[in-house]
Amino acid sequence: MKKLLLFTLILLSTYTVNAQQEKHKPVLRHVVMFGWKEGTDAAYINKVVTALSDLKHKIPTIKSFEWGTNNSPENLNNGLTHCFILTFSSESDRDAYLIHPDHKAFVALLNPAPEKVTVFDYWANK
């Protein structure tokens, strides 16, 4: 009985440690920001936003996706109005996304291109 109890406790502690490590596993963030030329059609911008948002359903390496528009009162956005954050588990997952046919089709949709584009990738520190 003691051996069974000891085995159960070891198994439970191993599971807990593994769950904690998984919870704190680093993730790769791919940040894309767009700024549009004055007078860019709102319907076109919405089409771009929808197309980029839809990639999370088409490309399995995207772990999570979120987006929003700038509302900072600091006026330091340098003309960038839209921010998209895609999360990946690894650089190879991000690289697979970049060459995926659905991502390439999205990039082709950016015509006319936004006036400003910034892309920044980083490993998230928690």
Protein backbone atom coordinates (compact mmCIF):
# COMPACT_ATOMS: atom_id res chain seq x y z
CA MET A 1 0.00 0.00 0.00
CA LYS A 2 2.85 2.41 0.85
CA LYS A 3 4.48 1.72 -2.51
CA LEU A 4 1.24 2.49 -4.33
CA LEU A 5 0.83 5.73 -2.39
CA LEU A 6 4.45 6.73 -3.06
CA PHE A 7 4.06 5.94 -6.77
CA THR A 8 0.85 8.00 -6.93
CA LEU A 9 2.55 10.96 -5.23
CA ILE A 10 5.54 10.80 -7.61
CA LEU A 11 3.23 10.58 -10.62
CA LEU A 12 1.15 13.53 -9.40
CA SER A 13 4.21 15.70 -8.72
CA THR A 14 5.66 14.87 -12.18
CA TYR A 15 2.36 15.84 -13.80
CA THR A 16 2.28 19.12 -11.85
CA VAL A 17 5.87 20.01 -12.80
CA ASN A 18 5.20 19.23 -16.49
CA ALA A 19 2.00 21.28 -16.45
CA GLN A 20 3.86 24.26 -14.93
CA GLN A 21 6.64 24.00 -17.52
CA GLU A 22 4.09 23.90 -20.35
CA LYS A 23 2.30 26.93 -18.91
CA HIS A 24 5.56 28.96 -18.96
CA LYS A 25 6.85 27.72 -22.31
CA PRO A 26 8.09 30.70 -24.31
CA VAL A 27 6.13 31.75 -27.38
CA LEU A 28 7.17 33.66 -30.48
CA ARG A 29 5.16 36.81 -31.24
CA HIS A 30 4.91 38.11 -34.81
CA VAL A 31 3.73 41.72 -34.69
CA VAL A 32 2.55 43.42 -37.89
CA MET A 33 1.52 47.09 -37.95
CA PHE A 34 -0.02 49.01 -40.84
CA GLY A 35 -0.55 52.70 -41.50
CA TRP A 36 -2.75 53.69 -44.43
CA LYS A 37 -2.47 56.52 -46.93
CA GLU A 38 -4.86 59.40 -46.33
CA GLY A 39 -8.14 58.60 -48.08
CA THR A 40 -7.67 54.82 -48.24
CA ASP A 41 -11.09 53.25 -48.66
CA ALA A 42 -12.44 51.89 -45.35
CA ALA A 43 -13.96 48.90 -47.17
CA TYR A 44 -10.51 47.97 -48.49
CA ILE A 45 -8.97 48.24 -44.99
CA ASN A 46 -11.77 46.04 -43.61
CA LYS A 47 -11.11 43.51 -46.39
CA VAL A 48 -7.41 43.39 -45.40
CA VAL A 49 -8.26 43.04 -41.69
CA THR A 50 -10.71 40.21 -42.41
CA ALA A 51 -8.25 38.41 -44.69
CA LEU A 52 -5.47 38.55 -42.09
CA SER A 53 -7.85 37.49 -39.32
CA ASP A 54 -9.00 34.52 -41.39
CA LEU A 55 -5.45 33.15 -41.62
CA LYS A 56 -5.75 31.76 -38.08
CA HIS A 57 -8.33 29.30 -39.46
CA LYS A 58 -6.26 28.40 -42.51
CA ILE A 59 -2.71 28.04 -41.20
CA PRO A 60 -2.35 25.50 -38.40
CA THR A 61 0.98 26.83 -37.06
CA ILE A 62 -0.73 30.02 -35.81
CA LYS A 63 -1.20 29.39 -32.09
CA SER A 64 -3.23 32.55 -31.44
CA PHE A 65 -4.19 35.81 -33.15
CA GLU A 66 -5.39 39.22 -32.03
CA TRP A 67 -5.63 42.65 -33.53
CA GLY A 68 -6.71 46.18 -32.76
CA THR A 69 -6.46 49.81 -33.80
CA ASN A 70 -4.37 52.46 -32.14
CA ASN A 71 -6.03 54.47 -29.39
CA SER A 72 -2.96 55.79 -27.58
CA PRO A 73 -3.22 59.42 -26.43
CA GLU A 74 0.58 59.80 -26.68
CA ASN A 75 0.58 60.40 -30.46
CA LEU A 76 3.72 58.26 -30.91
CA ASN A 77 2.32 55.73 -33.39
CA ASN A 78 4.14 57.32 -36.36
CA GLY A 79 1.12 56.88 -38.62
CA LEU A 80 0.57 53.20 -37.76
CA THR A 81 -3.09 52.54 -37.10
CA HIS A 82 -3.61 48.76 -37.09
CA CYS A 83 -1.69 46.16 -35.05
CA PHE A 84 -1.88 42.39 -35.51
CA ILE A 85 -0.21 39.90 -33.18
CA LEU A 86 0.22 36.30 -34.24
CA THR A 87 1.69 33.79 -31.81
CA PHE A 88 3.76 30.77 -32.76
CA SER A 89 5.36 27.97 -30.75
CA SER A 90 8.63 28.10 -32.67
CA GLU A 91 10.60 29.90 -35.35
CA SER A 92 9.97 26.99 -37.70
CA ASP A 93 6.19 27.40 -37.17
CA ARG A 94 6.53 31.12 -37.98
CA ASP A 95 8.65 30.33 -41.04
CA ALA A 96 6.05 27.81 -42.26
CA TYR A 97 3.41 30.56 -41.92
CA LEU A 98 5.51 33.00 -43.97
CA ILE A 99 5.74 30.63 -46.96
CA HIS A 100 2.23 29.19 -46.63
CA PRO A 101 0.14 29.73 -49.81
CA ASP A 102 -2.66 31.43 -47.83
CA HIS A 103 -0.18 33.92 -46.34
CA LYS A 104 1.24 34.60 -49.80
CA ALA A 105 -2.31 35.21 -51.07
CA PHE A 106 -2.85 37.66 -48.21
CA VAL A 107 0.34 39.55 -49.09
CA ALA A 108 -0.83 39.76 -52.71
CA LEU A 109 -4.05 41.36 -51.45
CA LEU A 110 -2.01 44.32 -50.14
CA ASN A 111 -2.30 46.24 -53.37
CA PRO A 112 -2.36 49.16 -52.92
CA ALA A 113 0.10 48.58 -50.13
CA PRO A 114 -0.28 50.32 -46.79
CA GLU A 115 1.76 53.51 -46.57
CA LYS A 116 3.66 52.15 -43.57
CA VAL A 117 4.38 48.59 -42.56
CA THR A 118 6.35 47.43 -39.53
CA VAL A 119 7.02 43.80 -38.66
CA PHE A 120 8.63 42.85 -35.37
CA ASP A 121 9.15 39.32 -34.03
CA TYR A 122 10.19 38.50 -30.48
CA TRP A 123 10.27 35.71 -27.93
CA ALA A 124 7.82 36.67 -25.20
CA ASN A 125 9.30 37.02 -21.72
CA LYS A 126 6.95 36.44 -18.83
